[in-house]
Amino acid sequence: AANNGLKKLIQQKEALELSIIKMLGMPLLAWAVL
């Protein structure tokens, strides 16, 4: 995390949007499967 720079990384808007969707959507899908 330190090597890539947090501020610069968070500015990648499309990647950040997709990352949030993954981290919210995948657990919901797993919970439904369970």
All heavy atoms as atom14 arrays in JSON, in Angstrom:
{
  "sequence": "AANNGLKKLIQQKEALELSIIKMLGMPLLAWAVL",
  "atom14_mask": [
    [1, 1, 1, 1, 1, 0, 0, 0, 0, 0, 0, 0, 0, 0],
    [1, 1, 1, 1, 1, 0, 0, 0, 0, 0, 0, 0, 0, 0],
    [1, 1, 1, 1, 1, 1, 1, 1, 0, 0, 0, 0, 0, 0],
    [1, 1, 1, 1, 1, 1, 1, 1, 0, 0, 0, 0, 0, 0],
    [1, 1, 1, 1, 0, 0, 0, 0, 0, 0, 0, 0, 0, 0],
    [1, 1, 1, 1, 1, 1, 1, 1, 0, 0, 0, 0, 0, 0],
    [1, 1, 1, 1, 1, 1, 1, 1, 1, 0, 0, 0, 0, 0],
    [1, 1, 1, 1, 1, 1, 1, 1, 1, 0, 0, 0, 0, 0],
    [1, 1, 1, 1, 1, 1, 1, 1, 0, 0, 0, 0, 0, 0],
    [1, 1, 1, 1, 1, 1, 1, 1, 0, 0, 0, 0, 0, 0],
    [1, 1, 1, 1, 1, 1, 1, 1, 1, 0, 0, 0, 0, 0],
    [1, 1, 1, 1, 1, 1, 1, 1, 1, 0, 0, 0, 0, 0],
    [1, 1, 1, 1, 1, 1, 1, 1, 1, 0, 0, 0, 0, 0],
    [1, 1, 1, 1, 1, 1, 1, 1, 1, 0, 0, 0, 0, 0],
    [1, 1, 1, 1, 1, 0, 0, 0, 0, 0, 0, 0, 0, 0],
    [1, 1, 1, 1, 1, 1, 1, 1, 0, 0, 0, 0, 0, 0],
    [1, 1, 1, 1, 1, 1, 1, 1, 1, 0, 0, 0, 0, 0],
    [1, 1, 1, 1, 1, 1, 1, 1, 0, 0, 0, 0, 0, 0],
    [1, 1, 1, 1, 1, 1, 0, 0, 0, 0, 0, 0, 0, 0],
    [1, 1, 1, 1, 1, 1, 1, 1, 0, 0, 0, 0, 0, 0],
    [1, 1, 1, 1, 1, 1, 1, 1, 0, 0, 0, 0, 0, 0],
    [1, 1, 1, 1, 1, 1, 1, 1, 1, 0, 0, 0, 0, 0],
    [1, 1, 1, 1, 1, 1, 1, 1, 0, 0, 0, 0, 0, 0],
    [1, 1, 1, 1, 1, 1, 1, 1, 0, 0, 0, 0, 0, 0],
    [1, 1, 1, 1, 0, 0, 0, 0, 0, 0, 0, 0, 0, 0],
    [1, 1, 1, 1, 1, 1, 1, 1, 0, 0, 0, 0, 0, 0],
    [1, 1, 1, 1, 1, 1, 1, 0, 0, 0, 0, 0, 0, 0],
    [1, 1, 1, 1, 1, 1, 1, 1, 0, 0, 0, 0, 0, 0],
    [1, 1, 1, 1, 1, 1, 1, 1, 0, 0, 0, 0, 0, 0],
    [1, 1, 1, 1, 1, 0, 0, 0, 0, 0, 0, 0, 0, 0],
    [1, 1, 1, 1, 1, 1, 1, 1, 1, 1, 1, 1, 1, 1],
    [1, 1, 1, 1, 1, 0, 0, 0, 0, 0, 0, 0, 0, 0],
    [1, 1, 1, 1, 1, 1, 1, 0, 0, 0, 0, 0, 0, 0],
    [1, 1, 1, 1, 1, 1, 1, 1, 0, 0, 0, 0, 0, 0]
  ],
  "atom14_positions": [
    [[0.83, -1.21, 0.0], [0.0, 0.0, 0.0], [0.86, 1.25, 0.0], [0.59, 2.22, -0.72], [-0.92, -0.01, 1.21], [0.0, 0.0, 0.0], [0.0, 0.0, 0.0], [0.0, 0.0, 0.0], [0.0, 0.0, 0.0], [0.0, 0.0, 0.0], [0.0, 0.0, 0.0], [0.0, 0.0, 0.0], [0.0, 0.0, 0.0], [0.0, 0.0, 0.0]],
    [[1.93, 1.26, 0.79], [2.8, 2.43, 0.87], [3.53, 2.66, -0.44], [3.76, 3.81, -0.85], [3.81, 2.23, 2.01], [0.0, 0.0, 0.0], [0.0, 0.0, 0.0], [0.0, 0.0, 0.0], [0.0, 0.0, 0.0], [0.0, 0.0, 0.0], [0.0, 0.0, 0.0], [0.0, 0.0, 0.0], [0.0, 0.0, 0.0], [0.0, 0.0, 0.0]],
    [[3.88, 1.58, -1.13], [4.64, 1.69, -2.38], [3.85, 2.38, -3.48], [4.43, 3.05, -4.34], [5.05, 0.29, -2.85], [5.83, 0.32, -4.15], [6.92, 0.85, -4.22], [5.25, -0.28, -5.19], [0.0, 0.0, 0.0], [0.0, 0.0, 0.0], [0.0, 0.0, 0.0], [0.0, 0.0, 0.0], [0.0, 0.0, 0.0], [0.0, 0.0, 0.0]],
    [[2.55, 2.26, -3.47], [1.74, 2.79, -4.56], [1.12, 4.16, -4.25], [0.55, 4.77, -5.15], [0.63, 1.79, -4.92], [1.17, 0.58, -5.63], [1.29, 0.55, -6.84], [1.53, -0.45, -4.86], [0.0, 0.0, 0.0], [0.0, 0.0, 0.0], [0.0, 0.0, 0.0], [0.0, 0.0, 0.0], [0.0, 0.0, 0.0], [0.0, 0.0, 0.0]],
    [[1.23, 4.63, -3.03], [0.72, 5.96, -2.7], [-0.8, 5.97, -2.59], [-1.5, 5.8, -3.59], [0.0, 0.0, 0.0], [0.0, 0.0, 0.0], [0.0, 0.0, 0.0], [0.0, 0.0, 0.0], [0.0, 0.0, 0.0], [0.0, 0.0, 0.0], [0.0, 0.0, 0.0], [0.0, 0.0, 0.0], [0.0, 0.0, 0.0], [0.0, 0.0, 0.0]],
    [[-1.29, 6.18, -1.39], [-2.73, 6.09, -1.15], [-3.51, 7.16, -1.91], [-4.56, 6.89, -2.5], [-3.0, 6.21, 0.35], [-2.45, 5.09, 1.23], [-2.79, 5.35, 2.69], [-3.02, 3.75, 0.8], [0.0, 0.0, 0.0], [0.0, 0.0, 0.0], [0.0, 0.0, 0.0], [0.0, 0.0, 0.0], [0.0, 0.0, 0.0], [0.0, 0.0, 0.0]],
    [[-3.01, 8.4, -1.87], [-3.73, 9.51, -2.49], [-3.9, 9.29, -4.0], [-4.99, 9.45, -4.55], [-3.01, 10.82, -2.23], [-3.75, 12.05, -2.75], [-3.02, 13.33, -2.39], [-3.76, 14.55, -2.94], [-3.04, 15.83, -2.59], [0.0, 0.0, 0.0], [0.0, 0.0, 0.0], [0.0, 0.0, 0.0], [0.0, 0.0, 0.0], [0.0, 0.0, 0.0]],
    [[-2.83, 8.91, -4.65], [-2.87, 8.68, -6.1], [-3.78, 7.5, -6.43], [-4.51, 7.54, -7.44], [-1.46, 8.41, -6.62], [-1.37, 8.25, -8.12], [0.07, 8.04, -8.57], [0.14, 7.85, -10.08], [1.55, 7.62, -10.53], [0.0, 0.0, 0.0], [0.0, 0.0, 0.0], [0.0, 0.0, 0.0], [0.0, 0.0, 0.0], [0.0, 0.0, 0.0]],
    [[-3.75, 6.49, -5.59], [-4.55, 5.3, -5.84], [-6.04, 5.6, -5.72], [-6.84, 5.17, -6.56], [-4.15, 4.21, -4.84], [-4.68, 2.8, -5.07], [-4.22, 2.27, -6.42], [-4.22, 1.89, -3.95], [0.0, 0.0, 0.0], [0.0, 0.0, 0.0], [0.0, 0.0, 0.0], [0.0, 0.0, 0.0], [0.0, 0.0, 0.0], [0.0, 0.0, 0.0]],
    [[-6.42, 6.35, -4.7], [-7.83, 6.67, -4.47], [-8.39, 7.55, -5.58], [-9.6, 7.57, -5.83], [-7.99, 7.34, -3.09], [-7.67, 6.31, -2.0], [-9.4, 7.88, -2.89], [-7.64, 6.88, -0.61], [0.0, 0.0, 0.0], [0.0, 0.0, 0.0], [0.0, 0.0, 0.0], [0.0, 0.0, 0.0], [0.0, 0.0, 0.0], [0.0, 0.0, 0.0]],
    [[-7.53, 8.26, -6.3], [-7.98, 9.13, -7.39], [-8.37, 8.36, -8.64], [-8.92, 8.95, -9.58], [-6.88, 10.15, -7.72], [-6.67, 11.2, -6.63], [-5.48, 12.1, -6.89], [-4.63, 11.8, -7.73], [-5.41, 13.21, -6.19], [0.0, 0.0, 0.0], [0.0, 0.0, 0.0], [0.0, 0.0, 0.0], [0.0, 0.0, 0.0], [0.0, 0.0, 0.0]],
    [[-8.11, 7.07, -8.67], [-8.52, 6.24, -9.81], [-10.01, 5.92, -9.66], [-10.39, 4.91, -9.07], [-7.68, 4.96, -9.86], [-6.18, 5.17, -9.84], [-5.71, 6.01, -11.0], [-6.12, 5.81, -12.16], [-4.83, 6.97, -10.74], [0.0, 0.0, 0.0], [0.0, 0.0, 0.0], [0.0, 0.0, 0.0], [0.0, 0.0, 0.0], [0.0, 0.0, 0.0]],
    [[-10.86, 6.81, -10.17], [-12.29, 6.78, -9.86], [-12.98, 5.5, -10.32], [-13.77, 4.91, -9.59], [-12.97, 8.01, -10.45], [-12.52, 9.31, -9.81], [-13.26, 10.5, -10.38], [-12.82, 11.79, -9.7], [-13.52, 12.98, -10.25], [0.0, 0.0, 0.0], [0.0, 0.0, 0.0], [0.0, 0.0, 0.0], [0.0, 0.0, 0.0], [0.0, 0.0, 0.0]],
    [[-12.72, 5.07, -11.56], [-13.39, 3.86, -12.06], [-12.96, 2.64, -11.24], [-13.79, 1.81, -10.86], [-13.07, 3.65, -13.54], [-13.88, 4.52, -14.47], [-13.69, 4.12, -15.93], [-12.83, 3.26, -16.21], [-14.43, 4.65, -16.78], [0.0, 0.0, 0.0], [0.0, 0.0, 0.0], [0.0, 0.0, 0.0], [0.0, 0.0, 0.0], [0.0, 0.0, 0.0]],
    [[-11.66, 2.53, -10.97], [-11.16, 1.39, -10.2], [-11.72, 1.42, -8.79], [-12.07, 0.36, -8.23], [-9.63, 1.42, -10.17], [0.0, 0.0, 0.0], [0.0, 0.0, 0.0], [0.0, 0.0, 0.0], [0.0, 0.0, 0.0], [0.0, 0.0, 0.0], [0.0, 0.0, 0.0], [0.0, 0.0, 0.0], [0.0, 0.0, 0.0], [0.0, 0.0, 0.0]],
    [[-11.82, 2.6, -8.2], [-12.37, 2.73, -6.84], [-13.84, 2.33, -6.81], [-14.28, 1.61, -5.91], [-12.2, 4.16, -6.34], [-12.73, 4.45, -4.92], [-12.04, 3.56, -3.89], [-12.55, 5.92, -4.58], [0.0, 0.0, 0.0], [0.0, 0.0, 0.0], [0.0, 0.0, 0.0], [0.0, 0.0, 0.0], [0.0, 0.0, 0.0], [0.0, 0.0, 0.0]],
    [[-14.6, 2.79, -7.8], [-16.02, 2.44, -7.88], [-16.21, 0.93, -7.99], [-17.02, 0.34, -7.27], [-16.63, 3.13, -9.1], [-18.07, 2.74, -9.39], [-18.56, 3.3, -10.73], [-17.97, 4.28, -11.23], [-19.53, 2.75, -11.28], [0.0, 0.0, 0.0], [0.0, 0.0, 0.0], [0.0, 0.0, 0.0], [0.0, 0.0, 0.0], [0.0, 0.0, 0.0]],
    [[-15.45, 0.31, -8.87], [-15.57, -1.13, -9.07], [-15.1, -1.91, -7.84], [-15.67, -2.96, -7.5], [-14.76, -1.55, -10.3], [-15.32, -1.05, -11.64], [-14.27, -1.17, -12.74], [-16.57, -1.81, -12.01], [0.0, 0.0, 0.0], [0.0, 0.0, 0.0], [0.0, 0.0, 0.0], [0.0, 0.0, 0.0], [0.0, 0.0, 0.0], [0.0, 0.0, 0.0]],
    [[-14.09, -1.38, -7.16], [-13.59, -2.04, -5.95], [-14.64, -2.03, -4.84], [-14.83, -3.04, -4.14], [-12.31, -1.35, -5.46], [-11.28, -1.45, -6.43], [0.0, 0.0, 0.0], [0.0, 0.0, 0.0], [0.0, 0.0, 0.0], [0.0, 0.0, 0.0], [0.0, 0.0, 0.0], [0.0, 0.0, 0.0], [0.0, 0.0, 0.0], [0.0, 0.0, 0.0]],
    [[-15.31, -0.91, -4.68], [-16.36, -0.81, -3.66], [-17.5, -1.77, -3.97], [-18.04, -2.44, -3.09], [-16.87, 0.64, -3.56], [-15.77, 1.55, -3.0], [-18.13, 0.72, -2.69], [-16.11, 3.02, -3.02], [0.0, 0.0, 0.0], [0.0, 0.0, 0.0], [0.0, 0.0, 0.0], [0.0, 0.0, 0.0], [0.0, 0.0, 0.0], [0.0, 0.0, 0.0]],
    [[-17.86, -1.86, -5.26], [-18.93, -2.77, -5.67], [-18.55, -4.22, -5.35], [-19.36, -5.0, -4.86], [-19.22, -2.61, -7.17], [-19.94, -1.27, -7.4], [-20.07, -3.76, -7.7], [-20.11, -0.92, -8.85], [0.0, 0.0, 0.0], [0.0, 0.0, 0.0], [0.0, 0.0, 0.0], [0.0, 0.0, 0.0], [0.0, 0.0, 0.0], [0.0, 0.0, 0.0]],
    [[-17.3, -4.58, -5.62], [-16.85, -5.94, -5.31], [-16.92, -6.22, -3.81], [-17.43, -7.27, -3.39], [-15.4, -6.14, -5.77], [-14.79, -7.46, -5.26], [-13.36, -7.61, -5.67], [-12.71, -8.82, -5.01], [-13.39, -10.09, -5.29], [0.0, 0.0, 0.0], [0.0, 0.0, 0.0], [0.0, 0.0, 0.0], [0.0, 0.0, 0.0], [0.0, 0.0, 0.0]],
    [[-16.41, -5.28, -3.02], [-16.31, -5.52, -1.59], [-17.65, -5.48, -0.86], [-17.77, -5.94, 0.27], [-15.34, -4.51, -0.97], [-13.92, -4.61, -1.53], [-13.21, -6.28, -1.41], [-12.88, -6.4, 0.34], [0.0, 0.0, 0.0], [0.0, 0.0, 0.0], [0.0, 0.0, 0.0], [0.0, 0.0, 0.0], [0.0, 0.0, 0.0], [0.0, 0.0, 0.0]],
    [[-18.67, -4.94, -1.52], [-20.03, -4.98, -0.97], [-20.86, -6.09, -1.61], [-21.6, -6.81, -0.92], [-20.73, -3.63, -1.2], [-20.16, -2.43, -0.44], [-20.92, -1.16, -0.83], [-20.23, -2.65, 1.07], [0.0, 0.0, 0.0], [0.0, 0.0, 0.0], [0.0, 0.0, 0.0], [0.0, 0.0, 0.0], [0.0, 0.0, 0.0], [0.0, 0.0, 0.0]],
    [[-20.72, -6.25, -2.92], [-21.55, -7.2, -3.65], [-21.19, -8.65, -3.42], [-22.08, -9.51, -3.29], [0.0, 0.0, 0.0], [0.0, 0.0, 0.0], [0.0, 0.0, 0.0], [0.0, 0.0, 0.0], [0.0, 0.0, 0.0], [0.0, 0.0, 0.0], [0.0, 0.0, 0.0], [0.0, 0.0, 0.0], [0.0, 0.0, 0.0], [0.0, 0.0, 0.0]],
    [[-19.89, -8.97, -3.35], [-19.49, -10.37, -3.18], [-19.95, -10.96, -1.85], [-20.49, -12.08, -1.81], [-17.97, -10.49, -3.34], [-17.47, -11.91, -3.34], [-17.91, -12.83, -4.84], [-16.5, -12.46, -5.88], [0.0, 0.0, 0.0], [0.0, 0.0, 0.0], [0.0, 0.0, 0.0], [0.0, 0.0, 0.0], [0.0, 0.0, 0.0], [0.0, 0.0, 0.0]],
    [[-19.8, -10.24, -0.72], [-20.33, -10.8, 0.54], [-21.85, -11.0, 0.52], [-22.35, -11.98, 1.08], [-19.94, -9.75, 1.59], [-18.76, -9.06, 1.0], [-19.01, -9.02, -0.47], [0.0, 0.0, 0.0], [0.0, 0.0, 0.0], [0.0, 0.0, 0.0], [0.0, 0.0, 0.0], [0.0, 0.0, 0.0], [0.0, 0.0, 0.0], [0.0, 0.0, 0.0]],
    [[-22.57, -10.09, -0.12], [-24.02, -10.25, -0.22], [-24.39, -11.5, -1.03], [-25.3, -12.24, -0.67], [-24.65, -9.01, -0.86], [-24.68, -7.75, 0.02], [-25.18, -6.56, -0.79], [-25.57, -7.97, 1.24], [0.0, 0.0, 0.0], [0.0, 0.0, 0.0], [0.0, 0.0, 0.0], [0.0, 0.0, 0.0], [0.0, 0.0, 0.0], [0.0, 0.0, 0.0]],
    [[-23.66, -11.72, -2.11], [-23.89, -12.92, -2.93], [-23.58, -14.18, -2.12], [-24.34, -15.15, -2.15], [-23.01, -12.87, -4.18], [-23.04, -14.11, -5.09], [-24.45, -14.38, -5.61], [-22.06, -13.94, -6.26], [0.0, 0.0, 0.0], [0.0, 0.0, 0.0], [0.0, 0.0, 0.0], [0.0, 0.0, 0.0], [0.0, 0.0, 0.0], [0.0, 0.0, 0.0]],
    [[-22.47, -14.15, -1.38], [-22.1, -15.32, -0.56], [-23.15, -15.59, 0.51], [-23.5, -16.75, 0.77], [-20.74, -15.08, 0.09], [0.0, 0.0, 0.0], [0.0, 0.0, 0.0], [0.0, 0.0, 0.0], [0.0, 0.0, 0.0], [0.0, 0.0, 0.0], [0.0, 0.0, 0.0], [0.0, 0.0, 0.0], [0.0, 0.0, 0.0], [0.0, 0.0, 0.0]],
    [[-23.63, -14.52, 1.16], [-24.67, -14.69, 2.18], [-25.92, -15.32, 1.58], [-26.55, -16.2, 2.19], [-25.0, -13.33, 2.8], [-26.15, -13.38, 3.76], [-26.14, -13.82, 5.04], [-27.51, -12.98, 3.49], [-27.39, -13.73, 5.6], [-28.25, -13.22, 4.67], [-28.15, -12.44, 2.38], [-29.62, -12.93, 4.75], [-29.5, -12.16, 2.46], [-30.22, -12.4, 3.64]],
    [[-26.31, -14.9, 0.37], [-27.48, -15.48, -0.3], [-27.26, -16.95, -0.6], [-28.17, -17.78, -0.42], [-27.78, -14.7, -1.58], [0.0, 0.0, 0.0], [0.0, 0.0, 0.0], [0.0, 0.0, 0.0], [0.0, 0.0, 0.0], [0.0, 0.0, 0.0], [0.0, 0.0, 0.0], [0.0, 0.0, 0.0], [0.0, 0.0, 0.0], [0.0, 0.0, 0.0]],
    [[-26.06, -17.31, -1.04], [-25.75, -18.71, -1.34], [-25.83, -19.56, -0.08], [-26.32, -20.7, -0.1], [-24.35, -18.82, -1.99], [-23.9, -20.28, -2.07], [-24.36, -18.19, -3.39], [0.0, 0.0, 0.0], [0.0, 0.0, 0.0], [0.0, 0.0, 0.0], [0.0, 0.0, 0.0], [0.0, 0.0, 0.0], [0.0, 0.0, 0.0], [0.0, 0.0, 0.0]],
    [[-25.36, -19.0, 1.04], [-25.35, -19.76, 2.3], [-26.74, -20.11, 2.81], [-26.89, -21.01, 3.63], [-24.59, -18.96, 3.37], [-23.07, -18.93, 3.22], [-22.45, -18.01, 4.26], [-22.48, -20.33, 3.32], [0.0, 0.0, 0.0], [0.0, 0.0, 0.0], [0.0, 0.0, 0.0], [0.0, 0.0, 0.0], [0.0, 0.0, 0.0], [0.0, 0.0, 0.0]]
  ]
}
